[in-house]
Amino acid sequence: LQSKDGALITEDRAFAINGFEGQLVEAVACIARGEIE
């Protein structure tokens, strides 16, 4: 994130596994709640 005065903020967030885990957890949670999307 670079502000208009040039200040820079950098954030790093590693994968827990390989990046696919987020959508799998989301899908299973939605299915458990009986949601269709």
PDB file of all heavy atoms in Angstrom:
ATOM      1  N   LEU A   1       0.860  -1.176   0.000  1.00  0.00           N
ATOM      2  CA  LEU A   1       0.000   0.000   0.000  1.00  0.00           C
ATOM      3  C   LEU A   1       0.899   1.229   0.000  1.00  0.00           C
ATOM      4  O   LEU A   1       1.681   1.434   0.923  1.00  0.00           O
ATOM      5  CB  LEU A   1      -0.895   0.000   1.236  1.00  0.00           C
ATOM      6  CG  LEU A   1      -1.713   1.267   1.515  1.00  0.00           C
ATOM      7  CD1 LEU A   1      -2.710   1.524   0.398  1.00  0.00           C
ATOM      8  CD2 LEU A   1      -2.431   1.141   2.851  1.00  0.00           C
ATOM      9  N   GLN A   2       0.791   2.018  -1.064  1.00  0.00           N
ATOM     10  CA  GLN A   2       1.584   3.237  -1.166  1.00  0.00           C
ATOM     11  C   GLN A   2       0.666   4.440  -1.084  1.00  0.00           C
ATOM     12  O   GLN A   2      -0.259   4.575  -1.877  1.00  0.00           O
ATOM     13  CB  GLN A   2       2.370   3.275  -2.479  1.00  0.00           C
ATOM     14  CG  GLN A   2       3.248   4.510  -2.618  1.00  0.00           C
ATOM     15  CD  GLN A   2       4.113   4.472  -3.871  1.00  0.00           C
ATOM     16  OE1 GLN A   2       4.189   3.457  -4.545  1.00  0.00           O
ATOM     17  NE2 GLN A   2       4.767   5.590  -4.165  1.00  0.00           N
ATOM     18  N   SER A   3       0.899   5.298  -0.118  1.00  0.00           N
ATOM     19  CA  SER A   3       0.067   6.495   0.045  1.00  0.00           C
ATOM     20  C   SER A   3       0.564   7.591  -0.884  1.00  0.00           C
ATOM     21  O   SER A   3       1.643   7.503  -1.466  1.00  0.00           O
ATOM     22  CB  SER A   3       0.109   6.970   1.500  1.00  0.00           C
ATOM     23  OG  SER A   3       1.430   7.338   1.865  1.00  0.00           O
ATOM     24  N   LYS A   4      -0.205   8.659  -1.007  1.00  0.00           N
ATOM     25  CA  LYS A   4       0.139   9.729  -1.939  1.00  0.00           C
ATOM     26  C   LYS A   4       1.417  10.468  -1.552  1.00  0.00           C
ATOM     27  O   LYS A   4       2.050  11.099  -2.398  1.00  0.00           O
ATOM     28  CB  LYS A   4      -1.020  10.719  -2.057  1.00  0.00           C
ATOM     29  CG  LYS A   4      -1.387  11.430  -0.762  1.00  0.00           C
ATOM     30  CD  LYS A   4      -2.570  12.349  -1.001  1.00  0.00           C
ATOM     31  CE  LYS A   4      -2.977  13.074   0.293  1.00  0.00           C
ATOM     32  NZ  LYS A   4      -4.129  13.976   0.059  1.00  0.00           N
ATOM     33  N   ASP A   5       1.822  10.353  -0.269  1.00  0.00           N
ATOM     34  CA  ASP A   5       3.073  10.995   0.140  1.00  0.00           C
ATOM     35  C   ASP A   5       4.281  10.072  -0.027  1.00  0.00           C
ATOM     36  O   ASP A   5       5.400  10.421   0.360  1.00  0.00           O
ATOM     37  CB  ASP A   5       2.977  11.481   1.595  1.00  0.00           C
ATOM     38  CG  ASP A   5       2.744  10.339   2.579  1.00  0.00           C
ATOM     39  OD1 ASP A   5       2.768   9.166   2.150  1.00  0.00           O
ATOM     40  OD2 ASP A   5       2.534  10.621   3.770  1.00  0.00           O
ATOM     41  N   GLY A   6       4.051   8.888  -0.603  1.00  0.00           N
ATOM     42  CA  GLY A   6       5.153   7.970  -0.872  1.00  0.00           C
ATOM     43  C   GLY A   6       5.391   6.926   0.190  1.00  0.00           C
ATOM     44  O   GLY A   6       6.191   6.007  -0.014  1.00  0.00           O
ATOM     45  N   ALA A   7       4.736   7.029   1.340  1.00  0.00           N
ATOM     46  CA  ALA A   7       4.915   6.035   2.400  1.00  0.00           C
ATOM     47  C   ALA A   7       4.437   4.671   1.913  1.00  0.00           C
ATOM     48  O   ALA A   7       3.410   4.560   1.237  1.00  0.00           O
ATOM     49  CB  ALA A   7       4.142   6.459   3.650  1.00  0.00           C
ATOM     50  N   LEU A   8       5.191   3.618   2.270  1.00  0.00           N
ATOM     51  CA  LEU A   8       4.917   2.283   1.762  1.00  0.00           C
ATOM     52  C   LEU A   8       4.696   1.301   2.906  1.00  0.00           C
ATOM     53  O   LEU A   8       5.492   1.231   3.844  1.00  0.00           O
ATOM     54  CB  LEU A   8       6.084   1.808   0.900  1.00  0.00           C
ATOM     55  CG  LEU A   8       5.841   0.604  -0.009  1.00  0.00           C
ATOM     56  CD1 LEU A   8       4.839   0.952  -1.092  1.00  0.00           C
ATOM     57  CD2 LEU A   8       7.164   0.157  -0.633  1.00  0.00           C
ATOM     58  N   ILE A   9       3.597   0.551   2.827  1.00  0.00           N
ATOM     59  CA  ILE A   9       3.306  -0.515   3.790  1.00  0.00           C
ATOM     60  C   ILE A   9       3.270  -1.827   3.022  1.00  0.00           C
ATOM     61  O   ILE A   9       2.596  -1.931   1.994  1.00  0.00           O
ATOM     62  CB  ILE A   9       1.949  -0.288   4.486  1.00  0.00           C
ATOM     63  CG1 ILE A   9       1.957   1.006   5.296  1.00  0.00           C
ATOM     64  CG2 ILE A   9       1.600  -1.476   5.377  1.00  0.00           C
ATOM     65  CD1 ILE A   9       0.598   1.376   5.859  1.00  0.00           C
ATOM     66  N   THR A  10       3.997  -2.811   3.508  1.00  0.00           N
ATOM     67  CA  THR A  10       4.011  -4.130   2.869  1.00  0.00           C
ATOM     68  C   THR A  10       3.498  -5.170   3.845  1.00  0.00           C
ATOM     69  O   THR A  10       3.905  -5.210   5.008  1.00  0.00           O
ATOM     70  CB  THR A  10       5.431  -4.517   2.430  1.00  0.00           C
ATOM     71  OG1 THR A  10       5.908  -3.552   1.481  1.00  0.00           O
ATOM     72  CG2 THR A  10       5.443  -5.897   1.781  1.00  0.00           C
ATOM     73  N   GLU A  11       2.583  -6.007   3.381  1.00  0.00           N
ATOM     74  CA  GLU A  11       2.025  -7.082   4.201  1.00  0.00           C
ATOM     75  C   GLU A  11       2.255  -8.422   3.504  1.00  0.00           C
ATOM     76  O   GLU A  11       2.097  -8.534   2.289  1.00  0.00           O
ATOM     77  CB  GLU A  11       0.521  -6.877   4.418  1.00  0.00           C
ATOM     78  CG  GLU A  11       0.159  -5.655   5.229  1.00  0.00           C
ATOM     79  CD  GLU A  11       0.421  -5.824   6.726  1.00  0.00           C
ATOM     80  OE1 GLU A  11       0.722  -6.968   7.145  1.00  0.00           O
ATOM     81  OE2 GLU A  11       0.322  -4.823   7.441  1.00  0.00           O
ATOM     82  N   ASP A  12       2.648  -9.420   4.300  1.00  0.00           N
ATOM     83  CA  ASP A  12       2.850 -10.777   3.796  1.00  0.00           C
ATOM     84  C   ASP A  12       1.916 -11.736   4.525  1.00  0.00           C
ATOM     85  O   ASP A  12       1.785 -11.658   5.750  1.00  0.00           O
ATOM     86  CB  ASP A  12       4.299 -11.230   4.011  1.00  0.00           C
ATOM     87  CG  ASP A  12       5.280 -10.453   3.155  1.00  0.00           C
ATOM     88  OD1 ASP A  12       5.400 -10.778   1.965  1.00  0.00           O
ATOM     89  OD2 ASP A  12       5.929  -9.522   3.681  1.00  0.00           O
ATOM     90  N   ARG A  13       1.295 -12.621   3.771  1.00  0.00           N
ATOM     91  CA  ARG A  13       0.430 -13.649   4.352  1.00  0.00           C
ATOM     92  C   ARG A  13       0.690 -14.966   3.622  1.00  0.00           C
ATOM     93  O   ARG A  13       0.330 -15.136   2.460  1.00  0.00           O
ATOM     94  CB  ARG A  13      -1.056 -13.267   4.210  1.00  0.00           C
ATOM     95  CG  ARG A  13      -1.470 -12.021   4.961  1.00  0.00           C
ATOM     96  CD  ARG A  13      -1.448 -12.223   6.464  1.00  0.00           C
ATOM     97  NE  ARG A  13      -1.986 -11.067   7.166  1.00  0.00           N
ATOM     98  CZ  ARG A  13      -1.307  -9.973   7.474  1.00  0.00           C
ATOM     99  NH1 ARG A  13      -0.027  -9.885   7.107  1.00  0.00           N
ATOM    100  NH2 ARG A  13      -1.869  -8.970   8.117  1.00  0.00           N
ATOM    101  N   ALA A  14       1.332 -15.887   4.300  1.00  0.00           N
ATOM    102  CA  ALA A  14       1.678 -17.167   3.692  1.00  0.00           C
ATOM    103  C   ALA A  14       0.462 -18.080   3.591  1.00  0.00           C
ATOM    104  O   ALA A  14      -0.513 -17.934   4.333  1.00  0.00           O
ATOM    105  CB  ALA A  14       2.774 -17.851   4.514  1.00  0.00           C
ATOM    106  N   PHE A  15       0.523 -19.048   2.667  1.00  0.00           N
ATOM    107  CA  PHE A  15      -0.511 -20.068   2.581  1.00  0.00           C
ATOM    108  C   PHE A  15      -0.393 -21.010   3.775  1.00  0.00           C
ATOM    109  O   PHE A  15       0.708 -21.318   4.232  1.00  0.00           O
ATOM    110  CB  PHE A  15      -0.345 -20.921   1.319  1.00  0.00           C
ATOM    111  CG  PHE A  15      -0.397 -20.164   0.026  1.00  0.00           C
ATOM    112  CD1 PHE A  15       0.275 -20.649  -1.083  1.00  0.00           C
ATOM    113  CD2 PHE A  15      -1.113 -18.986  -0.096  1.00  0.00           C
ATOM    114  CE1 PHE A  15       0.233 -19.974  -2.289  1.00  0.00           C
ATOM    115  CE2 PHE A  15      -1.164 -18.301  -1.290  1.00  0.00           C
ATOM    116  CZ  PHE A  15      -0.480 -18.799  -2.397  1.00  0.00           C
ATOM    117  N   ALA A  16      -1.515 -21.500   4.248  1.00  0.00           N
ATOM    118  CA  ALA A  16      -1.486 -22.546   5.274  1.00  0.00           C
ATOM    119  C   ALA A  16      -1.023 -23.861   4.658  1.00  0.00           C
ATOM    120  O   ALA A  16      -0.300 -24.640   5.299  1.00  0.00           O
ATOM    121  CB  ALA A  16      -2.870 -22.715   5.894  1.00  0.00           C
ATOM    122  N   ILE A  17      -1.422 -24.115   3.406  1.00  0.00           N
ATOM    123  CA  ILE A  17      -1.009 -25.340   2.705  1.00  0.00           C
ATOM    124  C   ILE A  17      -0.462 -24.959   1.331  1.00  0.00           C
ATOM    125  O   ILE A  17       0.746 -24.851   1.157  1.00  0.00           O
ATOM    126  CB  ILE A  17      -2.186 -26.341   2.574  1.00  0.00           C
ATOM    127  CG1 ILE A  17      -2.702 -26.738   3.964  1.00  0.00           C
ATOM    128  CG2 ILE A  17      -1.732 -27.587   1.788  1.00  0.00           C
ATOM    129  CD1 ILE A  17      -3.935 -27.629   3.943  1.00  0.00           C
ATOM    130  N   ASN A  18      -1.340 -24.756   0.363  1.00  0.00           N
ATOM    131  CA  ASN A  18      -0.885 -24.381  -0.976  1.00  0.00           C
ATOM    132  C   ASN A  18      -1.779 -23.341  -1.634  1.00  0.00           C
ATOM    133  O   ASN A  18      -1.660 -23.085  -2.826  1.00  0.00           O
ATOM    134  CB  ASN A  18      -0.780 -25.623  -1.862  1.00  0.00           C
ATOM    135  CG  ASN A  18      -2.115 -26.343  -2.048  1.00  0.00           C
ATOM    136  OD1 ASN A  18      -3.182 -25.788  -1.778  1.00  0.00           O
ATOM    137  ND2 ASN A  18      -2.068 -27.582  -2.492  1.00  0.00           N
ATOM    138  N   GLY A  19      -2.670 -22.755  -0.874  1.00  0.00           N
ATOM    139  CA  GLY A  19      -3.568 -21.730  -1.402  1.00  0.00           C
ATOM    140  C   GLY A  19      -4.957 -22.229  -1.721  1.00  0.00           C
ATOM    141  O   GLY A  19      -5.907 -21.446  -1.741  1.00  0.00           O
ATOM    142  N   PHE A  20      -5.106 -23.520  -1.957  1.00  0.00           N
ATOM    143  CA  PHE A  20      -6.426 -24.075  -2.268  1.00  0.00           C
ATOM    144  C   PHE A  20      -7.285 -24.283  -1.031  1.00  0.00           C
ATOM    145  O   PHE A  20      -8.496 -24.467  -1.141  1.00  0.00           O
ATOM    146  CB  PHE A  20      -6.267 -25.411  -3.010  1.00  0.00           C
ATOM    147  CG  PHE A  20      -6.390 -25.300  -4.499  1.00  0.00           C
ATOM    148  CD1 PHE A  20      -5.848 -24.212  -5.178  1.00  0.00           C
ATOM    149  CD2 PHE A  20      -7.040 -26.268  -5.239  1.00  0.00           C
ATOM    150  CE1 PHE A  20      -5.943 -24.100  -6.553  1.00  0.00           C
ATOM    151  CE2 PHE A  20      -7.152 -26.176  -6.616  1.00  0.00           C
ATOM    152  CZ  PHE A  20      -6.607 -25.087  -7.274  1.00  0.00           C
ATOM    153  N   GLU A  21      -6.669 -24.257   0.132  1.00  0.00           N
ATOM    154  CA  GLU A  21      -7.402 -24.606   1.349  1.00  0.00           C
ATOM    155  C   GLU A  21      -8.553 -23.652   1.652  1.00  0.00           C
ATOM    156  O   GLU A  21      -9.592 -24.066   2.175  1.00  0.00           O
ATOM    157  CB  GLU A  21      -6.450 -24.670   2.555  1.00  0.00           C
ATOM    158  CG  GLU A  21      -5.716 -23.379   2.879  1.00  0.00           C
ATOM    159  CD  GLU A  21      -4.433 -23.180   2.092  1.00  0.00           C
ATOM    160  OE1 GLU A  21      -4.164 -23.977   1.167  1.00  0.00           O
ATOM    161  OE2 GLU A  21      -3.700 -22.225   2.397  1.00  0.00           O
ATOM    162  N   GLY A  22      -8.396 -22.378   1.319  1.00  0.00           N
ATOM    163  CA  GLY A  22      -9.441 -21.405   1.642  1.00  0.00           C
ATOM    164  C   GLY A  22     -10.759 -21.706   0.977  1.00  0.00           C
ATOM    165  O   GLY A  22     -11.822 -21.666   1.612  1.00  0.00           O
ATOM    166  N   GLN A  23     -10.733 -22.011  -0.316  1.00  0.00           N
ATOM    167  CA  GLN A  23     -11.978 -22.291  -1.021  1.00  0.00           C
ATOM    168  C   GLN A  23     -12.589 -23.619  -0.582  1.00  0.00           C
ATOM    169  O   GLN A  23     -13.811 -23.768  -0.584  1.00  0.00           O
ATOM    170  CB  GLN A  23     -11.760 -22.270  -2.526  1.00  0.00           C
ATOM    171  CG  GLN A  23     -10.853 -23.358  -3.056  1.00  0.00           C
ATOM    172  CD  GLN A  23     -10.710 -23.321  -4.566  1.00  0.00           C
ATOM    173  OE1 GLN A  23     -11.387 -22.549  -5.257  1.00  0.00           O
ATOM    174  NE2 GLN A  23      -9.828 -24.144  -5.108  1.00  0.00           N
ATOM    175  N   LEU A  24     -11.754 -24.576  -0.174  1.00  0.00           N
ATOM    176  CA  LEU A  24     -12.287 -25.855   0.293  1.00  0.00           C
ATOM    177  C   LEU A  24     -12.999 -25.691   1.634  1.00  0.00           C
ATOM    178  O   LEU A  24     -14.086 -26.236   1.836  1.00  0.00           O
ATOM    179  CB  LEU A  24     -11.166 -26.887   0.431  1.00  0.00           C
ATOM    180  CG  LEU A  24     -10.452 -27.286  -0.857  1.00  0.00           C
ATOM    181  CD1 LEU A  24      -9.418 -28.378  -0.586  1.00  0.00           C
ATOM    182  CD2 LEU A  24     -11.436 -27.756  -1.895  1.00  0.00           C
ATOM    183  N   VAL A  25     -12.382 -24.959   2.533  1.00  0.00           N
ATOM    184  CA  VAL A  25     -13.010 -24.694   3.822  1.00  0.00           C
ATOM    185  C   VAL A  25     -14.320 -23.938   3.624  1.00  0.00           C
ATOM    186  O   VAL A  25     -15.333 -24.235   4.264  1.00  0.00           O
ATOM    187  CB  VAL A  25     -12.052 -23.905   4.736  1.00  0.00           C
ATOM    188  CG1 VAL A  25     -12.772 -23.425   5.994  1.00  0.00           C
ATOM    189  CG2 VAL A  25     -10.850 -24.763   5.119  1.00  0.00           C
ATOM    190  N   GLU A  26     -14.316 -22.968   2.710  1.00  0.00           N
ATOM    191  CA  GLU A  26     -15.529 -22.191   2.427  1.00  0.00           C
ATOM    192  C   GLU A  26     -16.628 -23.086   1.882  1.00  0.00           C
ATOM    193  O   GLU A  26     -17.783 -23.020   2.321  1.00  0.00           O
ATOM    194  CB  GLU A  26     -15.204 -21.088   1.418  1.00  0.00           C
ATOM    195  CG  GLU A  26     -16.410 -20.362   0.839  1.00  0.00           C
ATOM    196  CD  GLU A  26     -17.106 -19.443   1.819  1.00  0.00           C
ATOM    197  OE1 GLU A  26     -16.605 -19.272   2.950  1.00  0.00           O
ATOM    198  OE2 GLU A  26     -18.169 -18.880   1.447  1.00  0.00           O
ATOM    199  N   ALA A  27     -16.299 -23.933   0.920  1.00  0.00           N
ATOM    200  CA  ALA A  27     -17.312 -24.793   0.310  1.00  0.00           C
ATOM    201  C   ALA A  27     -17.926 -25.740   1.318  1.00  0.00           C
ATOM    202  O   ALA A  27     -19.155 -25.878   1.392  1.00  0.00           O
ATOM    203  CB  ALA A  27     -16.696 -25.578  -0.850  1.00  0.00           C
ATOM    204  N   VAL A  28     -17.088 -26.395   2.114  1.00  0.00           N
ATOM    205  CA  VAL A  28     -17.597 -27.356   3.097  1.00  0.00           C
ATOM    206  C   VAL A  28     -18.453 -26.653   4.151  1.00  0.00           C
ATOM    207  O   VAL A  28     -19.487 -27.175   4.584  1.00  0.00           O
ATOM    208  CB  VAL A  28     -16.439 -28.122   3.746  1.00  0.00           C
ATOM    209  CG1 VAL A  28     -16.924 -28.959   4.932  1.00  0.00           C
ATOM    210  CG2 VAL A  28     -15.758 -29.030   2.718  1.00  0.00           C
ATOM    211  N   ALA A  29     -18.044 -25.448   4.566  1.00  0.00           N
ATOM    212  CA  ALA A  29     -18.834 -24.696   5.545  1.00  0.00           C
ATOM    213  C   ALA A  29     -20.199 -24.319   4.985  1.00  0.00           C
ATOM    214  O   ALA A  29     -21.224 -24.421   5.676  1.00  0.00           O
ATOM    215  CB  ALA A  29     -18.068 -23.444   5.973  1.00  0.00           C
ATOM    216  N   CYS A  30     -20.239 -23.886   3.733  1.00  0.00           N
ATOM    217  CA  CYS A  30     -21.517 -23.530   3.102  1.00  0.00           C
ATOM    218  C   CYS A  30     -22.428 -24.751   2.999  1.00  0.00           C
ATOM    219  O   CYS A  30     -23.630 -24.675   3.287  1.00  0.00           O
ATOM    220  CB  CYS A  30     -21.273 -22.946   1.712  1.00  0.00           C
ATOM    221  SG  CYS A  30     -20.538 -21.296   1.685  1.00  0.00           S
ATOM    222  N   ILE A  31     -21.858 -25.871   2.594  1.00  0.00           N
ATOM    223  CA  ILE A  31     -22.643 -27.103   2.455  1.00  0.00           C
ATOM    224  C   ILE A  31     -23.192 -27.534   3.810  1.00  0.00           C
ATOM    225  O   ILE A  31     -24.356 -27.942   3.920  1.00  0.00           O
ATOM    226  CB  ILE A  31     -21.772 -28.210   1.824  1.00  0.00           C
ATOM    227  CG1 ILE A  31     -21.417 -27.834   0.377  1.00  0.00           C
ATOM    228  CG2 ILE A  31     -22.504 -29.557   1.855  1.00  0.00           C
ATOM    229  CD1 ILE A  31     -20.310 -28.672  -0.222  1.00  0.00           C
ATOM    230  N   ALA A  32     -22.375 -27.430   4.861  1.00  0.00           N
ATOM    231  CA  ALA A  32     -22.817 -27.810   6.206  1.00  0.00           C
ATOM    232  C   ALA A  32     -23.980 -26.951   6.683  1.00  0.00           C
ATOM    233  O   ALA A  32     -24.845 -27.421   7.437  1.00  0.00           O
ATOM    234  CB  ALA A  32     -21.645 -27.703   7.180  1.00  0.00           C
ATOM    235  N   ARG A  33     -24.007 -25.695   6.223  1.00  0.00           N
ATOM    236  CA  ARG A  33     -25.101 -24.790   6.609  1.00  0.00           C
ATOM    237  C   ARG A  33     -26.312 -24.932   5.705  1.00  0.00           C
ATOM    238  O   ARG A  33     -27.311 -24.229   5.892  1.00  0.00           O
ATOM    239  CB  ARG A  33     -24.608 -23.344   6.585  1.00  0.00           C
ATOM    240  CG  ARG A  33     -23.555 -23.010   7.634  1.00  0.00           C
ATOM    241  CD  ARG A  33     -23.345 -21.509   7.744  1.00  0.00           C
ATOM    242  NE  ARG A  33     -22.787 -20.938   6.517  1.00  0.00           N
ATOM    243  CZ  ARG A  33     -21.496 -20.723   6.310  1.00  0.00           C
ATOM    244  NH1 ARG A  33     -20.610 -21.066   7.246  1.00  0.00           N
ATOM    245  NH2 ARG A  33     -21.072 -20.187   5.173  1.00  0.00           N
ATOM    246  N   GLY A  34     -26.240 -25.805   4.712  1.00  0.00           N
ATOM    247  CA  GLY A  34     -27.360 -26.003   3.808  1.00  0.00           C
ATOM    248  C   GLY A  34     -27.507 -24.916   2.756  1.00  0.00           C
ATOM    249  O   GLY A  34     -28.582 -24.754   2.171  1.00  0.00           O
ATOM    250  N   GLU A  35     -26.448 -24.170   2.505  1.00  0.00           N
ATOM    251  CA  GLU A  35     -26.493 -23.083   1.524  1.00  0.00           C
ATOM    252  C   GLU A  35     -26.189 -23.615   0.126  1.00  0.00           C
ATOM    253  O   GLU A  35     -25.463 -24.594  -0.034  1.00  0.00           O
ATOM    254  CB  GLU A  35     -25.498 -21.990   1.916  1.00  0.00           C
ATOM    255  CG  GLU A  35     -25.833 -21.351   3.253  1.00  0.00           C
ATOM    256  CD  GLU A  35     -24.732 -20.462   3.803  1.00  0.00           C
ATOM    257  OE1 GLU A  35     -23.638 -20.424   3.193  1.00  0.00           O
ATOM    258  OE2 GLU A  35     -24.952 -19.825   4.846  1.00  0.00           O
ATOM    259  N   ILE A  36     -26.703 -22.947  -0.885  1.00  0.00           N
ATOM    260  CA  ILE A  36     -26.474 -23.403  -2.255  1.00  0.00           C
ATOM    261  C   ILE A  36     -25.461 -22.529  -2.996  1.00  0.00           C
ATOM    262  O   ILE A  36     -25.131 -22.813  -4.147  1.00  0.00           O
ATOM    263  CB  ILE A  36     -27.785 -23.480  -3.061  1.00  0.00           C
ATOM    264  CG1 ILE A  36     -28.398 -22.090  -3.250  1.00  0.00           C
ATOM    265  CG2 ILE A  36     -28.773 -24.428  -2.399  1.00  0.00           C
ATOM    266  CD1 ILE A  36     -29.564 -22.079  -4.231  1.00  0.00           C
ATOM    267  N   GLU A  37     -24.948 -21.501  -2.349  1.00  0.00           N
ATOM    268  CA  GLU A  37     -23.901 -20.682  -2.953  1.00  0.00           C
ATOM    269  C   GLU A  37     -23.060 -20.034  -1.870  1.00  0.00           C
ATOM    270  O   GLU A  37     -23.451 -19.974  -0.703  1.00  0.00           O
ATOM    271  CB  GLU A  37     -24.487 -19.611  -3.874  1.00  0.00           C
ATOM    272  CG  GLU A  37     -25.362 -18.592  -3.189  1.00  0.00           C
ATOM    273  CD  GLU A  37     -25.944 -17.571  -4.168  1.00  0.00           C
ATOM    274  OE1 GLU A  37     -25.189 -17.026  -5.003  1.00  0.00           O
ATOM    275  OE2 GLU A  37     -27.164 -17.326  -4.097  1.00  0.00           O
TER     276      GLU A  37
END
